[in-house]
Amino acid sequence: MKIGIIYSSVTGNTEKIAIALKNRILDAELLKLEDIHNLDKFQILIIGYWVNKGTANVKIQKLLKSIVNKKIAVFGTSGQYPESSRAKKYLDRVKILVEENNVYLGGFICQGKIKEERTEKRMKILKGNSHYLDNDGYKRHLESRKHPNNVDIDGAILWIENIIKSH
């Protein structure tokens, strides 16, 4: 079974997970989104994205809409806590994109680093604005700087091993 791991990463969070998956699935092929030429040879695609505006980043959305009749598993990185209702909504939105034309094998999301500049920018937003950073949000931003960590990577590896075993 030929497996392709495709990812898009801006800050390196998603790339870190993609590389860890490739290191575990030695016969898989690792491709940056920009390096894709032909997906026909893959029976399973593992697609990594960074969360943007509550779903996969735009380039991954376009890729998912262009793929037909494949088995696809997705993983994402987000500044949110992975067990939060927001993170689950983000994953569900990507699931819907996959299911339009493909078989959804499962999804995984983990916390990724939020850049300090973004935290500083959010701290300047006034209370009452939907992007206002309250104390809990500030703590989440600080916690994000420790991710993705070894626990996140181990979780991603366990997730994909279970998917591969069942397919």
N, C-alpha and C. Protein backbone atom coordinates (compact mmCIF):
# COMPACT_ATOMS: atom_id res chain seq x y z
N MET A 1 0.85 -1.18 0.00
CA MET A 1 0.00 0.00 0.00
C MET A 1 0.89 1.24 0.00
N LYS A 2 0.70 2.11 -0.95
CA LYS A 2 1.50 3.33 -1.07
C LYS A 2 0.80 4.46 -0.32
N ILE A 3 1.55 5.11 0.57
CA ILE A 3 1.02 6.19 1.40
C ILE A 3 1.76 7.48 1.10
N GLY A 4 1.00 8.55 0.92
CA GLY A 4 1.58 9.87 0.73
C GLY A 4 1.25 10.76 1.91
N ILE A 5 2.26 11.41 2.45
CA ILE A 5 2.06 12.39 3.53
C ILE A 5 2.32 13.76 2.92
N ILE A 6 1.27 14.55 2.84
CA ILE A 6 1.34 15.88 2.22
C ILE A 6 1.06 16.90 3.32
N TYR A 7 1.82 17.98 3.32
CA TYR A 7 1.58 18.98 4.37
C TYR A 7 1.84 20.39 3.88
N SER A 8 1.20 21.31 4.59
CA SER A 8 1.42 22.75 4.42
C SER A 8 1.77 23.29 5.80
N SER A 9 2.83 24.07 5.88
CA SER A 9 3.27 24.58 7.18
C SER A 9 3.84 25.98 7.01
N VAL A 10 3.44 26.88 7.88
CA VAL A 10 3.97 28.24 7.86
C VAL A 10 4.97 28.44 8.98
N THR A 11 4.63 27.96 10.17
CA THR A 11 5.48 28.19 11.35
C THR A 11 6.36 26.99 11.68
N GLY A 12 6.16 25.87 11.00
CA GLY A 12 6.94 24.66 11.28
C GLY A 12 6.21 23.66 12.14
N ASN A 13 5.06 24.03 12.73
CA ASN A 13 4.31 23.13 13.59
C ASN A 13 3.82 21.89 12.83
N THR A 14 3.16 22.11 11.71
CA THR A 14 2.60 21.01 10.93
C THR A 14 3.72 20.18 10.31
N GLU A 15 4.77 20.84 9.88
CA GLU A 15 5.92 20.11 9.32
C GLU A 15 6.53 19.16 10.35
N LYS A 16 6.60 19.59 11.58
CA LYS A 16 7.17 18.75 12.65
C LYS A 16 6.37 17.46 12.81
N ILE A 17 5.06 17.56 12.77
CA ILE A 17 4.21 16.37 12.87
C ILE A 17 4.37 15.51 11.62
N ALA A 18 4.39 16.14 10.45
CA ALA A 18 4.53 15.40 9.19
C ALA A 18 5.83 14.59 9.16
N ILE A 19 6.90 15.19 9.59
CA ILE A 19 8.20 14.51 9.60
C ILE A 19 8.17 13.33 10.59
N ALA A 20 7.55 13.54 11.74
CA ALA A 20 7.44 12.45 12.73
C ALA A 20 6.64 11.28 12.16
N LEU A 21 5.58 11.58 11.43
CA LEU A 21 4.79 10.51 10.81
C LEU A 21 5.61 9.78 9.76
N LYS A 22 6.35 10.52 8.96
CA LYS A 22 7.19 9.91 7.93
C LYS A 22 8.27 9.03 8.57
N ASN A 23 8.84 9.47 9.66
CA ASN A 23 9.87 8.69 10.35
C ASN A 23 9.31 7.38 10.90
N ARG A 24 8.03 7.36 11.17
CA ARG A 24 7.38 6.15 11.69
C ARG A 24 6.91 5.23 10.54
N ILE A 25 6.43 5.85 9.46
CA ILE A 25 5.94 5.08 8.30
C ILE A 25 7.01 5.18 7.23
N LEU A 26 8.01 4.37 7.35
CA LEU A 26 9.22 4.50 6.53
C LEU A 26 8.96 4.39 5.03
N ASP A 27 7.96 3.61 4.62
CA ASP A 27 7.71 3.46 3.19
C ASP A 27 6.78 4.54 2.63
N ALA A 28 6.36 5.48 3.46
CA ALA A 28 5.52 6.58 2.99
C ALA A 28 6.39 7.62 2.28
N GLU A 29 5.75 8.39 1.42
CA GLU A 29 6.45 9.47 0.73
C GLU A 29 6.00 10.79 1.36
N LEU A 30 6.95 11.63 1.74
CA LEU A 30 6.67 12.92 2.36
C LEU A 30 6.78 14.01 1.31
N LEU A 31 5.72 14.81 1.18
CA LEU A 31 5.69 15.87 0.18
C LEU A 31 5.18 17.18 0.77
N LYS A 32 5.92 18.24 0.52
CA LYS A 32 5.37 19.56 0.82
C LYS A 32 4.27 19.82 -0.20
N LEU A 33 3.28 20.58 0.18
CA LEU A 33 2.16 20.87 -0.70
C LEU A 33 2.64 21.38 -2.06
N GLU A 34 3.67 22.19 -2.05
CA GLU A 34 4.18 22.80 -3.29
C GLU A 34 4.84 21.78 -4.22
N ASP A 35 5.19 20.60 -3.69
CA ASP A 35 5.92 19.60 -4.47
C ASP A 35 5.05 18.50 -5.05
N ILE A 36 3.74 18.65 -4.95
CA ILE A 36 2.83 17.62 -5.45
C ILE A 36 2.74 17.69 -6.97
N HIS A 37 2.87 16.52 -7.61
CA HIS A 37 2.71 16.45 -9.06
C HIS A 37 1.64 15.45 -9.45
N ASN A 38 1.62 14.31 -8.80
CA ASN A 38 0.68 13.26 -9.16
C ASN A 38 0.35 12.45 -7.92
N LEU A 39 -0.94 12.37 -7.61
CA LEU A 39 -1.37 11.63 -6.43
C LEU A 39 -1.92 10.24 -6.77
N ASP A 40 -1.96 9.90 -8.05
CA ASP A 40 -2.55 8.63 -8.49
C ASP A 40 -1.89 7.41 -7.87
N LYS A 41 -0.60 7.49 -7.59
CA LYS A 41 0.13 6.31 -7.09
C LYS A 41 -0.17 5.98 -5.63
N PHE A 42 -0.84 6.88 -4.91
CA PHE A 42 -1.10 6.67 -3.49
C PHE A 42 -2.47 6.06 -3.24
N GLN A 43 -2.51 5.03 -2.38
CA GLN A 43 -3.78 4.47 -1.96
C GLN A 43 -4.36 5.24 -0.76
N ILE A 44 -3.46 5.74 0.08
CA ILE A 44 -3.87 6.53 1.24
C ILE A 44 -3.09 7.84 1.25
N LEU A 45 -3.80 8.92 1.53
CA LEU A 45 -3.18 10.23 1.69
C LEU A 45 -3.35 10.67 3.14
N ILE A 46 -2.28 11.15 3.71
CA ILE A 46 -2.29 11.74 5.04
C ILE A 46 -1.96 13.21 4.82
N ILE A 47 -2.92 14.07 5.08
CA ILE A 47 -2.78 15.49 4.71
C ILE A 47 -2.75 16.36 5.97
N GLY A 48 -1.67 17.14 6.08
CA GLY A 48 -1.47 18.02 7.23
C GLY A 48 -1.69 19.48 6.87
N TYR A 49 -2.32 20.20 7.76
CA TYR A 49 -2.67 21.60 7.54
C TYR A 49 -2.49 22.40 8.83
N TRP A 50 -2.42 23.69 8.64
CA TRP A 50 -2.47 24.59 9.79
C TRP A 50 -3.84 25.25 9.76
N VAL A 51 -4.40 25.46 10.93
CA VAL A 51 -5.74 26.03 11.03
C VAL A 51 -5.70 27.52 10.74
N ASN A 52 -6.59 27.93 9.86
CA ASN A 52 -6.75 29.34 9.51
C ASN A 52 -8.24 29.64 9.44
N LYS A 53 -8.68 30.56 10.24
CA LYS A 53 -10.08 30.97 10.29
C LYS A 53 -11.02 29.79 10.52
N GLY A 54 -10.61 28.90 11.41
CA GLY A 54 -11.48 27.82 11.84
C GLY A 54 -11.54 26.60 10.95
N THR A 55 -10.62 26.49 10.00
CA THR A 55 -10.59 25.33 9.12
C THR A 55 -9.17 25.17 8.56
N ALA A 56 -9.00 24.25 7.64
CA ALA A 56 -7.69 24.09 7.01
C ALA A 56 -7.33 25.35 6.24
N ASN A 57 -6.04 25.63 6.17
CA ASN A 57 -5.58 26.79 5.40
C ASN A 57 -6.07 26.66 3.95
N VAL A 58 -6.17 27.78 3.25
CA VAL A 58 -6.79 27.86 1.93
C VAL A 58 -6.16 26.90 0.93
N LYS A 59 -4.85 26.79 0.91
CA LYS A 59 -4.20 25.91 -0.07
C LYS A 59 -4.56 24.45 0.15
N ILE A 60 -4.67 24.03 1.38
CA ILE A 60 -5.08 22.66 1.66
C ILE A 60 -6.55 22.47 1.32
N GLN A 61 -7.37 23.48 1.56
CA GLN A 61 -8.78 23.39 1.16
C GLN A 61 -8.89 23.15 -0.34
N LYS A 62 -8.12 23.90 -1.11
CA LYS A 62 -8.14 23.73 -2.58
C LYS A 62 -7.68 22.33 -2.96
N LEU A 63 -6.63 21.85 -2.31
CA LEU A 63 -6.15 20.50 -2.59
C LEU A 63 -7.25 19.47 -2.30
N LEU A 64 -7.88 19.56 -1.14
CA LEU A 64 -8.91 18.60 -0.77
C LEU A 64 -10.08 18.61 -1.75
N LYS A 65 -10.43 19.78 -2.26
CA LYS A 65 -11.52 19.88 -3.23
C LYS A 65 -11.14 19.29 -4.58
N SER A 66 -9.84 19.19 -4.85
CA SER A 66 -9.38 18.68 -6.15
C SER A 66 -9.18 17.16 -6.16
N ILE A 67 -9.17 16.54 -5.00
CA ILE A 67 -8.92 15.10 -4.90
C ILE A 67 -10.25 14.35 -4.94
N VAL A 68 -10.26 13.24 -5.68
CA VAL A 68 -11.47 12.44 -5.82
C VAL A 68 -11.14 10.97 -5.62
N ASN A 69 -12.01 10.28 -4.90
CA ASN A 69 -11.94 8.82 -4.71
C ASN A 69 -10.65 8.34 -4.06
N LYS A 70 -10.22 9.02 -3.04
CA LYS A 70 -9.05 8.60 -2.27
C LYS A 70 -9.45 8.35 -0.82
N LYS A 71 -8.64 7.58 -0.13
CA LYS A 71 -8.76 7.41 1.31
C LYS A 71 -7.85 8.46 1.93
N ILE A 72 -8.44 9.31 2.78
CA ILE A 72 -7.69 10.45 3.31
C ILE A 72 -7.83 10.53 4.83
N ALA A 73 -6.69 10.68 5.50
CA ALA A 73 -6.63 11.01 6.92
C ALA A 73 -6.03 12.42 7.00
N VAL A 74 -6.48 13.20 7.95
CA VAL A 74 -5.99 14.58 8.07
C VAL A 74 -5.47 14.85 9.47
N PHE A 75 -4.45 15.70 9.53
CA PHE A 75 -3.97 16.16 10.83
C PHE A 75 -3.73 17.66 10.73
N GLY A 76 -4.00 18.34 11.84
CA GLY A 76 -3.85 19.79 11.84
C GLY A 76 -3.19 20.29 13.10
N THR A 77 -2.68 21.50 12.99
CA THR A 77 -2.12 22.19 14.16
C THR A 77 -2.87 23.49 14.34
N SER A 78 -3.10 23.83 15.60
CA SER A 78 -3.90 25.00 15.94
C SER A 78 -3.41 25.57 17.26
N GLY A 79 -3.63 26.82 17.46
CA GLY A 79 -3.30 27.44 18.74
C GLY A 79 -4.25 27.03 19.85
N GLN A 80 -5.37 26.41 19.49
CA GLN A 80 -6.36 25.96 20.47
C GLN A 80 -5.90 24.71 21.19
N TYR A 81 -6.46 24.47 22.36
CA TYR A 81 -6.24 23.20 23.03
C TYR A 81 -6.94 22.12 22.19
N PRO A 82 -6.29 20.99 21.93
CA PRO A 82 -6.87 19.99 21.04
C PRO A 82 -8.18 19.38 21.55
N GLU A 83 -8.39 19.37 22.85
CA GLU A 83 -9.62 18.80 23.39
C GLU A 83 -10.75 19.83 23.48
N SER A 84 -10.49 21.06 23.07
CA SER A 84 -11.51 22.12 23.15
C SER A 84 -12.59 21.94 22.09
N SER A 85 -13.75 22.51 22.35
CA SER A 85 -14.85 22.43 21.37
C SER A 85 -14.47 23.15 20.08
N ARG A 86 -13.69 24.20 20.16
CA ARG A 86 -13.25 24.89 18.95
C ARG A 86 -12.38 24.00 18.08
N ALA A 87 -11.42 23.33 18.69
CA ALA A 87 -10.54 22.45 17.92
C ALA A 87 -11.34 21.33 17.26
N LYS A 88 -12.32 20.80 17.98
CA LYS A 88 -13.17 19.74 17.41
C LYS A 88 -13.98 20.28 16.22
N LYS A 89 -14.47 21.52 16.32
CA LYS A 89 -15.18 22.14 15.19
C LYS A 89 -14.25 22.30 13.99
N TYR A 90 -13.02 22.71 14.26
CA TYR A 90 -12.05 22.88 13.16
C TYR A 90 -11.84 21.56 12.43
N LEU A 91 -11.68 20.48 13.20
CA LEU A 91 -11.47 19.16 12.62
C LEU A 91 -12.71 18.70 11.85
N ASP A 92 -13.89 18.96 12.39
CA ASP A 92 -15.14 18.59 11.72
C ASP A 92 -15.29 19.31 10.38
N ARG A 93 -14.87 20.56 10.31
CA ARG A 93 -14.97 21.31 9.06
C ARG A 93 -14.09 20.70 7.98
N VAL A 94 -12.92 20.23 8.37
CA VAL A 94 -12.02 19.60 7.42
C VAL A 94 -12.57 18.23 7.02
N LYS A 95 -13.15 17.52 7.96
CA LYS A 95 -13.78 16.23 7.66
C LYS A 95 -14.83 16.40 6.56
N ILE A 96 -15.64 17.42 6.66
CA ILE A 96 -16.67 17.69 5.65
C ILE A 96 -16.04 17.92 4.28
N LEU A 97 -14.93 18.65 4.23
CA LEU A 97 -14.23 18.87 2.96
C LEU A 97 -13.76 17.56 2.35
N VAL A 98 -13.21 16.70 3.18
CA VAL A 98 -12.70 15.41 2.69
C VAL A 98 -13.85 14.56 2.16
N GLU A 99 -14.94 14.51 2.92
CA GLU A 99 -16.05 13.62 2.59
C GLU A 99 -16.82 14.02 1.34
N GLU A 100 -16.58 15.22 0.83
CA GLU A 100 -17.28 15.63 -0.40
C GLU A 100 -17.00 14.66 -1.55
N ASN A 101 -15.76 14.20 -1.67
CA ASN A 101 -15.38 13.35 -2.82
C ASN A 101 -14.51 12.16 -2.45
N ASN A 102 -14.30 11.93 -1.15
CA ASN A 102 -13.34 10.92 -0.72
C ASN A 102 -13.83 10.17 0.51
N VAL A 103 -13.03 9.20 0.92
CA VAL A 103 -13.31 8.45 2.14
C VAL A 103 -12.45 9.03 3.27
N TYR A 104 -13.12 9.46 4.31
CA TYR A 104 -12.45 10.05 5.47
C TYR A 104 -12.03 8.95 6.42
N LEU A 105 -10.74 8.83 6.66
CA LEU A 105 -10.21 7.80 7.54
C LEU A 105 -10.09 8.25 8.99
N GLY A 106 -10.04 9.54 9.21
CA GLY A 106 -9.92 10.05 10.57
C GLY A 106 -9.12 11.33 10.61
N GLY A 107 -9.15 11.97 11.76
CA GLY A 107 -8.45 13.23 11.91
C GLY A 107 -7.78 13.35 13.26
N PHE A 108 -6.76 14.16 13.29
CA PHE A 108 -5.98 14.41 14.50
C PHE A 108 -5.64 15.90 14.51
N ILE A 109 -5.76 16.50 15.67
CA ILE A 109 -5.37 17.91 15.79
C ILE A 109 -4.56 18.08 17.07
N CYS A 110 -3.52 18.88 16.99
CA CYS A 110 -2.73 19.15 18.19
C CYS A 110 -2.42 20.64 18.26
N GLN A 111 -2.02 21.05 19.42
CA GLN A 111 -1.69 22.45 19.62
C GLN A 111 -0.35 22.77 18.97
N GLY A 112 -0.27 23.93 18.38
CA GLY A 112 0.97 24.42 17.80
C GLY A 112 1.33 25.77 18.40
N LYS A 113 2.58 26.12 18.25
CA LYS A 113 3.06 27.40 18.78
C LYS A 113 2.33 28.58 18.14
N ILE A 114 1.96 29.52 18.98
CA ILE A 114 1.45 30.81 18.52
C ILE A 114 2.60 31.79 18.66
N LYS A 115 2.91 32.49 17.59
CA LYS A 115 4.03 33.43 17.62
C LYS A 115 3.79 34.55 18.62
N GLU A 116 4.87 34.97 19.26
CA GLU A 116 4.78 36.05 20.25
C GLU A 116 4.18 37.32 19.65
N GLU A 117 4.51 37.60 18.40
CA GLU A 117 3.97 38.81 17.75
C GLU A 117 2.45 38.77 17.68
N ARG A 118 1.92 37.58 17.46
CA ARG A 118 0.46 37.45 17.38
C ARG A 118 -0.16 37.68 18.76
N THR A 119 0.48 37.16 19.80
CA THR A 119 0.00 37.37 21.16
C THR A 119 0.00 38.86 21.48
N GLU A 120 1.10 39.52 21.15
CA GLU A 120 1.21 40.96 21.42
C GLU A 120 0.13 41.75 20.68
N LYS A 121 -0.13 41.37 19.45
CA LYS A 121 -1.16 42.04 18.65
C LYS A 121 -2.54 41.83 19.28
N ARG A 122 -2.82 40.60 19.70
CA ARG A 122 -4.11 40.29 20.31
C ARG A 122 -4.29 41.02 21.64
N MET A 123 -3.20 41.25 22.36
CA MET A 123 -3.29 41.94 23.66
C MET A 123 -3.70 43.40 23.49
N LYS A 124 -3.52 43.94 22.32
CA LYS A 124 -3.88 45.34 22.06
C LYS A 124 -5.35 45.51 21.67
N ILE A 125 -6.04 44.41 21.45
CA ILE A 125 -7.45 44.46 21.06
C ILE A 125 -8.29 44.74 22.30
N LEU A 126 -9.22 45.64 22.15
CA LEU A 126 -10.04 46.07 23.29
C LEU A 126 -11.07 45.02 23.69
N LYS A 127 -11.36 45.00 24.99
CA LYS A 127 -12.37 44.11 25.53
C LYS A 127 -13.69 44.39 24.82
N GLY A 128 -14.45 43.34 24.54
CA GLY A 128 -15.70 43.49 23.80
C GLY A 128 -15.57 43.05 22.35
N ASN A 129 -14.36 43.14 21.81
CA ASN A 129 -14.08 42.66 20.46
C ASN A 129 -13.96 41.14 20.51
N SER A 130 -14.44 40.46 19.49
CA SER A 130 -14.40 38.99 19.49
C SER A 130 -12.99 38.42 19.52
N HIS A 131 -11.99 39.21 19.17
CA HIS A 131 -10.60 38.75 19.18
C HIS A 131 -9.82 39.20 20.42
N TYR A 132 -10.55 39.78 21.38
CA TYR A 132 -9.95 40.19 22.64
C TYR A 132 -9.32 38.99 23.34
N LEU A 133 -8.13 39.16 23.86
CA LEU A 133 -7.41 38.08 24.51
C LEU A 133 -7.56 38.22 26.03
N ASP A 134 -8.44 37.39 26.60
CA ASP A 134 -8.64 37.44 28.05
C ASP A 134 -7.53 36.63 28.74
N ASN A 135 -7.60 36.52 30.06
CA ASN A 135 -6.55 35.83 30.82
C ASN A 135 -6.40 34.37 30.40
N ASP A 136 -7.52 33.67 30.20
CA ASP A 136 -7.45 32.27 29.77
C ASP A 136 -6.81 32.16 28.39
N GLY A 137 -7.18 33.07 27.51
CA GLY A 137 -6.59 33.07 26.17
C GLY A 137 -5.09 33.35 26.22
N TYR A 138 -4.70 34.27 27.09
CA TYR A 138 -3.28 34.58 27.23
C TYR A 138 -2.51 33.36 27.72
N LYS A 139 -3.08 32.65 28.71
CA LYS A 139 -2.44 31.42 29.22
C LYS A 139 -2.31 30.38 28.11
N ARG A 140 -3.35 30.27 27.27
CA ARG A 140 -3.31 29.31 26.16
C ARG A 140 -2.21 29.69 25.18
N HIS A 141 -2.07 30.98 24.91
CA HIS A 141 -1.01 31.44 24.01
C HIS A 141 0.37 31.06 24.57
N LEU A 142 0.55 31.26 25.86
CA LEU A 142 1.84 30.92 26.48
C LEU A 142 2.07 29.40 26.44
N GLU A 143 1.04 28.62 26.75
CA GLU A 143 1.15 27.16 26.72
C GLU A 143 1.48 26.67 25.31
N SER A 144 0.94 27.34 24.31
CA SER A 144 1.15 26.91 22.93
C SER A 144 2.63 26.90 22.55
N ARG A 145 3.41 27.70 23.21
CA ARG A 145 4.84 27.81 22.87
C ARG A 145 5.62 26.53 23.20
N LYS A 146 4.98 25.62 23.92
CA LYS A 146 5.60 24.33 24.26
C LYS A 146 5.21 23.24 23.26
N HIS A 147 4.47 23.59 22.22
CA HIS A 147 3.89 22.60 21.31
C HIS A 147 4.29 22.87 19.86
N PRO A 148 4.21 21.87 19.00
CA PRO A 148 3.96 20.48 19.32
C PRO A 148 5.16 19.88 20.04
N ASN A 149 4.85 19.09 21.06
CA ASN A 149 5.90 18.47 21.88
C ASN A 149 5.90 16.95 21.66
N ASN A 150 6.67 16.23 22.44
CA ASN A 150 6.77 14.78 22.28
C ASN A 150 5.45 14.06 22.54
N VAL A 151 4.65 14.57 23.46
CA VAL A 151 3.34 13.98 23.72
C VAL A 151 2.45 14.13 22.50
N ASP A 152 2.48 15.31 21.86
CA ASP A 152 1.69 15.54 20.65
C ASP A 152 2.15 14.60 19.53
N ILE A 153 3.45 14.48 19.38
CA ILE A 153 4.02 13.63 18.33
C ILE A 153 3.65 12.17 18.58
N ASP A 154 3.77 11.71 19.82
CA ASP A 154 3.39 10.33 20.16
C ASP A 154 1.91 10.10 19.86
N GLY A 155 1.08 11.09 20.17
CA GLY A 155 -0.36 10.98 19.89
C GLY A 155 -0.63 10.87 18.40
N ALA A 156 0.08 11.66 17.61
CA ALA A 156 -0.09 11.62 16.15
C ALA A 156 0.35 10.27 15.60
N ILE A 157 1.44 9.75 16.11
CA ILE A 157 1.95 8.45 15.65
C ILE A 157 0.96 7.33 16.00
N LEU A 158 0.46 7.33 17.22
CA LEU A 158 -0.52 6.32 17.63
C LEU A 158 -1.77 6.41 16.76
N TRP A 159 -2.24 7.63 16.51
CA TRP A 159 -3.41 7.86 15.67
C TRP A 159 -3.22 7.26 14.28
N ILE A 160 -2.09 7.57 13.64
CA ILE A 160 -1.90 7.10 12.26
C ILE A 160 -1.64 5.60 12.21
N GLU A 161 -0.96 5.06 13.21
CA GLU A 161 -0.75 3.60 13.25
C GLU A 161 -2.08 2.87 13.32
N ASN A 162 -3.02 3.38 14.10
CA ASN A 162 -4.34 2.77 14.20
C ASN A 162 -5.10 2.85 12.87
N ILE A 163 -4.97 3.96 12.19
CA ILE A 163 -5.63 4.11 10.89
C ILE A 163 -5.05 3.14 9.88
N ILE A 164 -3.74 3.05 9.82
CA ILE A 164 -3.09 2.16 8.84
C ILE A 164 -3.43 0.69 9.13
N LYS A 165 -3.44 0.32 10.40
CA LYS A 165 -3.78 -1.07 10.76
C LYS A 165 -5.17 -1.45 10.29
N SER A 166 -6.09 -0.49 10.37
CA SER A 166 -7.49 -0.79 10.02
C SER A 166 -7.78 -0.66 8.53
N HIS A 167 -6.78 -0.25 7.75
CA HIS A 167 -7.00 -0.12 6.30
C HIS A 167 -5.88 -0.82 5.57
